[in-house]
Amino acid sequence: MFITPAYAANGTAGLDLMGFLPMIAIFAVFWFLLIRPQQKKMKEHQKMLTALEKGDEVVTQGGVAGRVTKVGEAFLTVEIANGVEIQVQRSAVAGKLEKGTLKSL
């Protein structure tokens, strides 16, 4: 009397693929527009950091530009002015400059 009758489903078996299709499409777009380019950029940056050698001109994430004078495992010694050297972590290097850039600054 108080219990409603249970009806069988209309032939679908629980999981409806068409319901998940928009979610899958959004994830695919998210992957190709955001995640994949960021991973590629990180891989290129890591490759640049491992290829740094003495004499390269670099700029740090703080905006300090200088020439690499010593290369260590985790730290670099960067000459930012004549006779002024600082030590920075490899990961703090934002980019490698073209040769001669420091002279034009």
N, C-alpha and C. Protein backbone atom coordinates (compact mmCIF):
# COMPACT_ATOMS: atom_id res chain seq x y z
N MET A 1 0.80 -1.17 0.00
CA MET A 1 0.00 0.00 0.00
C MET A 1 0.86 1.27 0.00
N PHE A 2 1.86 1.34 0.88
CA PHE A 2 2.73 2.51 0.90
C PHE A 2 3.98 2.32 0.05
N ILE A 3 4.25 1.14 -0.43
CA ILE A 3 5.45 0.86 -1.22
C ILE A 3 5.10 0.98 -2.70
N THR A 4 5.91 1.76 -3.42
CA THR A 4 5.66 1.91 -4.85
C THR A 4 6.22 0.70 -5.58
N PRO A 5 5.59 0.29 -6.63
CA PRO A 5 6.10 -0.88 -7.37
C PRO A 5 7.43 -0.57 -8.06
N ALA A 6 8.32 -1.53 -8.14
CA ALA A 6 9.61 -1.38 -8.80
C ALA A 6 9.46 -1.78 -10.25
N TYR A 7 9.97 -0.96 -11.12
CA TYR A 7 9.90 -1.25 -12.55
C TYR A 7 11.30 -1.57 -13.07
N ALA A 8 11.36 -2.42 -14.02
CA ALA A 8 12.65 -2.80 -14.62
C ALA A 8 13.14 -1.65 -15.49
N ALA A 9 14.45 -1.56 -15.61
CA ALA A 9 15.05 -0.53 -16.46
C ALA A 9 14.65 -0.80 -17.90
N ASN A 10 14.77 0.22 -18.73
CA ASN A 10 14.32 0.10 -20.12
C ASN A 10 15.35 -0.57 -21.03
N GLY A 11 16.12 -1.49 -20.52
CA GLY A 11 17.04 -2.24 -21.36
C GLY A 11 18.49 -1.81 -21.27
N THR A 12 18.78 -0.68 -20.62
CA THR A 12 20.17 -0.25 -20.49
C THR A 12 20.78 -0.92 -19.27
N ALA A 13 22.05 -1.18 -19.35
CA ALA A 13 22.73 -1.90 -18.28
C ALA A 13 23.56 -0.94 -17.43
N GLY A 14 22.97 -0.16 -16.59
CA GLY A 14 23.66 0.67 -15.62
C GLY A 14 24.51 1.79 -16.19
N LEU A 15 25.64 1.47 -16.81
CA LEU A 15 26.56 2.48 -17.33
C LEU A 15 26.16 2.88 -18.74
N ASP A 16 25.94 4.14 -18.91
CA ASP A 16 25.56 4.65 -20.22
C ASP A 16 26.76 5.39 -20.80
N LEU A 17 27.34 4.90 -21.86
CA LEU A 17 28.53 5.49 -22.47
C LEU A 17 28.26 6.90 -22.96
N MET A 18 27.09 7.16 -23.43
CA MET A 18 26.77 8.50 -23.94
C MET A 18 26.76 9.53 -22.82
N GLY A 19 26.54 9.11 -21.60
CA GLY A 19 26.59 10.03 -20.47
C GLY A 19 28.02 10.42 -20.12
N PHE A 20 28.97 9.51 -20.36
CA PHE A 20 30.37 9.78 -20.05
C PHE A 20 31.13 10.42 -21.22
N LEU A 21 30.58 10.38 -22.40
CA LEU A 21 31.26 10.92 -23.57
C LEU A 21 31.63 12.40 -23.44
N PRO A 22 30.75 13.27 -22.95
CA PRO A 22 31.15 14.68 -22.78
C PRO A 22 32.30 14.84 -21.78
N MET A 23 32.31 14.06 -20.71
CA MET A 23 33.39 14.13 -19.73
C MET A 23 34.72 13.70 -20.36
N ILE A 24 34.69 12.66 -21.16
CA ILE A 24 35.89 12.17 -21.84
C ILE A 24 36.39 13.23 -22.83
N ALA A 25 35.48 13.87 -23.54
CA ALA A 25 35.87 14.91 -24.51
C ALA A 25 36.48 16.11 -23.80
N ILE A 26 35.91 16.51 -22.67
CA ILE A 26 36.47 17.65 -21.92
C ILE A 26 37.86 17.31 -21.41
N PHE A 27 38.05 16.09 -20.92
CA PHE A 27 39.37 15.68 -20.44
C PHE A 27 40.38 15.68 -21.59
N ALA A 28 39.99 15.21 -22.77
CA ALA A 28 40.89 15.18 -23.92
C ALA A 28 41.30 16.59 -24.32
N VAL A 29 40.36 17.51 -24.36
CA VAL A 29 40.67 18.91 -24.69
C VAL A 29 41.59 19.51 -23.64
N PHE A 30 41.30 19.26 -22.37
CA PHE A 30 42.13 19.74 -21.27
C PHE A 30 43.54 19.20 -21.40
N TRP A 31 43.67 17.93 -21.74
CA TRP A 31 44.99 17.29 -21.88
C TRP A 31 45.80 17.96 -22.99
N PHE A 32 45.20 18.11 -24.18
CA PHE A 32 45.94 18.62 -25.33
C PHE A 32 46.19 20.12 -25.28
N LEU A 33 45.37 20.87 -24.56
CA LEU A 33 45.56 22.32 -24.50
C LEU A 33 46.37 22.79 -23.29
N LEU A 34 46.37 22.02 -22.20
CA LEU A 34 47.03 22.49 -21.00
C LEU A 34 48.16 21.58 -20.52
N ILE A 35 47.87 20.33 -20.31
CA ILE A 35 48.84 19.44 -19.67
C ILE A 35 50.00 19.11 -20.61
N ARG A 36 49.72 18.71 -21.81
CA ARG A 36 50.77 18.29 -22.74
C ARG A 36 51.76 19.41 -23.07
N PRO A 37 51.30 20.64 -23.39
CA PRO A 37 52.27 21.71 -23.65
C PRO A 37 53.13 22.05 -22.43
N GLN A 38 52.54 21.98 -21.24
CA GLN A 38 53.30 22.28 -20.03
C GLN A 38 54.37 21.22 -19.80
N GLN A 39 54.05 19.95 -20.03
CA GLN A 39 55.05 18.89 -19.88
C GLN A 39 56.18 19.06 -20.89
N LYS A 40 55.84 19.45 -22.11
CA LYS A 40 56.85 19.66 -23.14
C LYS A 40 57.77 20.83 -22.76
N LYS A 41 57.19 21.89 -22.23
CA LYS A 41 57.97 23.06 -21.82
C LYS A 41 58.90 22.70 -20.66
N MET A 42 58.42 21.91 -19.71
CA MET A 42 59.24 21.49 -18.58
C MET A 42 60.39 20.59 -19.04
N LYS A 43 60.13 19.73 -20.01
CA LYS A 43 61.17 18.84 -20.52
C LYS A 43 62.26 19.65 -21.23
N GLU A 44 61.88 20.65 -22.01
CA GLU A 44 62.86 21.50 -22.70
C GLU A 44 63.68 22.32 -21.70
N HIS A 45 63.04 22.81 -20.64
CA HIS A 45 63.75 23.58 -19.62
C HIS A 45 64.76 22.69 -18.89
N GLN A 46 64.35 21.47 -18.56
CA GLN A 46 65.26 20.54 -17.89
C GLN A 46 66.45 20.19 -18.78
N LYS A 47 66.20 20.04 -20.07
CA LYS A 47 67.28 19.75 -21.02
C LYS A 47 68.26 20.93 -21.09
N MET A 48 67.72 22.16 -21.07
CA MET A 48 68.57 23.35 -21.10
C MET A 48 69.42 23.44 -19.84
N LEU A 49 68.84 23.10 -18.68
CA LEU A 49 69.58 23.17 -17.42
C LEU A 49 70.72 22.16 -17.39
N THR A 50 70.51 20.98 -17.91
CA THR A 50 71.58 19.97 -17.91
C THR A 50 72.67 20.30 -18.92
N ALA A 51 72.36 21.09 -19.93
CA ALA A 51 73.35 21.42 -20.96
C ALA A 51 74.14 22.68 -20.63
N LEU A 52 73.87 23.33 -19.51
CA LEU A 52 74.61 24.55 -19.16
C LEU A 52 76.08 24.24 -18.93
N GLU A 53 76.94 25.12 -19.42
CA GLU A 53 78.38 24.93 -19.25
C GLU A 53 79.03 26.28 -19.01
N LYS A 54 80.30 26.24 -18.67
CA LYS A 54 81.06 27.45 -18.38
C LYS A 54 81.07 28.37 -19.60
N GLY A 55 80.81 29.66 -19.36
CA GLY A 55 80.81 30.64 -20.43
C GLY A 55 79.43 30.97 -20.97
N ASP A 56 78.42 30.19 -20.62
CA ASP A 56 77.06 30.47 -21.07
C ASP A 56 76.52 31.70 -20.34
N GLU A 57 75.73 32.49 -21.04
CA GLU A 57 75.09 33.65 -20.44
C GLU A 57 73.66 33.25 -20.08
N VAL A 58 73.30 33.51 -18.83
CA VAL A 58 72.00 33.07 -18.32
C VAL A 58 71.29 34.20 -17.61
N VAL A 59 69.99 34.03 -17.42
CA VAL A 59 69.20 34.93 -16.60
C VAL A 59 68.45 34.06 -15.59
N THR A 60 68.44 34.52 -14.33
CA THR A 60 67.78 33.76 -13.28
C THR A 60 66.30 34.12 -13.22
N GLN A 61 65.56 33.37 -12.42
CA GLN A 61 64.14 33.67 -12.26
C GLN A 61 63.92 35.00 -11.57
N GLY A 62 64.92 35.48 -10.83
CA GLY A 62 64.83 36.79 -10.19
C GLY A 62 65.18 37.93 -11.12
N GLY A 63 65.63 37.62 -12.33
CA GLY A 63 65.95 38.65 -13.31
C GLY A 63 67.40 39.05 -13.34
N VAL A 64 68.27 38.34 -12.63
CA VAL A 64 69.70 38.64 -12.60
C VAL A 64 70.36 37.96 -13.81
N ALA A 65 71.06 38.75 -14.61
CA ALA A 65 71.74 38.22 -15.79
C ALA A 65 73.23 38.13 -15.51
N GLY A 66 73.85 37.07 -16.01
CA GLY A 66 75.29 36.91 -15.81
C GLY A 66 75.86 35.78 -16.64
N ARG A 67 77.17 35.57 -16.47
CA ARG A 67 77.89 34.54 -17.22
C ARG A 67 78.30 33.44 -16.25
N VAL A 68 78.09 32.19 -16.64
CA VAL A 68 78.43 31.04 -15.81
C VAL A 68 79.95 30.88 -15.78
N THR A 69 80.52 30.83 -14.55
CA THR A 69 81.96 30.66 -14.42
C THR A 69 82.33 29.29 -13.87
N LYS A 70 81.45 28.70 -13.08
CA LYS A 70 81.69 27.35 -12.55
C LYS A 70 80.38 26.58 -12.59
N VAL A 71 80.50 25.30 -12.92
CA VAL A 71 79.32 24.44 -13.00
C VAL A 71 79.48 23.32 -11.99
N GLY A 72 78.50 23.19 -11.09
CA GLY A 72 78.48 22.12 -10.12
C GLY A 72 77.29 21.22 -10.35
N GLU A 73 77.14 20.26 -9.47
CA GLU A 73 76.02 19.32 -9.58
C GLU A 73 74.68 20.03 -9.40
N ALA A 74 74.54 20.78 -8.32
CA ALA A 74 73.27 21.44 -8.02
C ALA A 74 73.36 22.96 -8.11
N PHE A 75 74.57 23.52 -8.07
CA PHE A 75 74.73 24.97 -8.06
C PHE A 75 75.63 25.43 -9.20
N LEU A 76 75.40 26.67 -9.62
CA LEU A 76 76.22 27.32 -10.63
C LEU A 76 76.81 28.59 -10.01
N THR A 77 78.01 28.93 -10.41
CA THR A 77 78.58 30.22 -10.02
C THR A 77 78.43 31.14 -11.23
N VAL A 78 77.76 32.26 -11.00
CA VAL A 78 77.44 33.19 -12.08
C VAL A 78 78.10 34.53 -11.78
N GLU A 79 78.86 35.04 -12.76
CA GLU A 79 79.49 36.34 -12.62
C GLU A 79 78.51 37.39 -13.15
N ILE A 80 78.07 38.27 -12.24
CA ILE A 80 77.07 39.26 -12.62
C ILE A 80 77.69 40.62 -12.93
N ALA A 81 78.94 40.83 -12.50
CA ALA A 81 79.70 42.04 -12.81
C ALA A 81 81.17 41.66 -12.69
N ASN A 82 82.07 42.53 -13.12
CA ASN A 82 83.49 42.21 -13.03
C ASN A 82 83.89 41.97 -11.58
N GLY A 83 84.31 40.74 -11.28
CA GLY A 83 84.74 40.38 -9.94
C GLY A 83 83.62 40.07 -8.96
N VAL A 84 82.39 40.12 -9.40
CA VAL A 84 81.25 39.82 -8.51
C VAL A 84 80.61 38.52 -8.98
N GLU A 85 80.71 37.50 -8.13
CA GLU A 85 80.15 36.20 -8.47
C GLU A 85 79.13 35.79 -7.42
N ILE A 86 78.06 35.16 -7.85
CA ILE A 86 77.05 34.63 -6.95
C ILE A 86 76.82 33.17 -7.28
N GLN A 87 76.35 32.44 -6.28
CA GLN A 87 76.01 31.04 -6.52
C GLN A 87 74.50 30.92 -6.56
N VAL A 88 74.00 30.25 -7.58
CA VAL A 88 72.56 30.03 -7.73
C VAL A 88 72.31 28.55 -7.97
N GLN A 89 71.13 28.11 -7.59
CA GLN A 89 70.75 26.74 -7.90
C GLN A 89 70.49 26.62 -9.39
N ARG A 90 70.75 25.44 -9.91
CA ARG A 90 70.46 25.22 -11.34
C ARG A 90 68.99 25.50 -11.65
N SER A 91 68.13 25.08 -10.75
CA SER A 91 66.69 25.25 -11.00
C SER A 91 66.26 26.71 -10.99
N ALA A 92 67.11 27.63 -10.48
CA ALA A 92 66.78 29.05 -10.45
C ALA A 92 67.08 29.74 -11.77
N VAL A 93 67.72 29.05 -12.70
CA VAL A 93 68.02 29.63 -14.01
C VAL A 93 66.76 29.57 -14.86
N ALA A 94 66.30 30.73 -15.30
CA ALA A 94 65.07 30.80 -16.09
C ALA A 94 65.34 30.57 -17.57
N GLY A 95 66.50 31.01 -18.04
CA GLY A 95 66.77 30.85 -19.46
C GLY A 95 68.21 31.12 -19.81
N LYS A 96 68.57 30.65 -20.97
CA LYS A 96 69.92 30.85 -21.50
C LYS A 96 69.85 31.97 -22.53
N LEU A 97 70.76 32.92 -22.42
CA LEU A 97 70.79 34.05 -23.34
C LEU A 97 71.75 33.75 -24.49
N GLU A 98 71.56 34.47 -25.59
CA GLU A 98 72.49 34.32 -26.71
C GLU A 98 73.81 34.99 -26.37
N LYS A 99 74.88 34.49 -26.97
CA LYS A 99 76.22 35.07 -26.72
C LYS A 99 76.21 36.55 -27.09
N GLY A 100 76.82 37.37 -26.22
CA GLY A 100 76.92 38.80 -26.47
C GLY A 100 75.77 39.60 -25.93
N THR A 101 74.78 38.96 -25.34
CA THR A 101 73.64 39.70 -24.80
C THR A 101 74.05 40.56 -23.62
N LEU A 102 74.95 40.07 -22.79
CA LEU A 102 75.36 40.84 -21.61
C LEU A 102 76.07 42.13 -21.98
N LYS A 103 76.80 42.14 -23.08
CA LYS A 103 77.48 43.35 -23.51
C LYS A 103 76.50 44.44 -23.93
N SER A 104 75.34 44.03 -24.45
CA SER A 104 74.37 45.01 -24.90
C SER A 104 73.50 45.54 -23.78
N LEU A 105 73.61 44.96 -22.58
CA LEU A 105 72.78 45.44 -21.45
C LEU A 105 73.35 46.64 -20.81
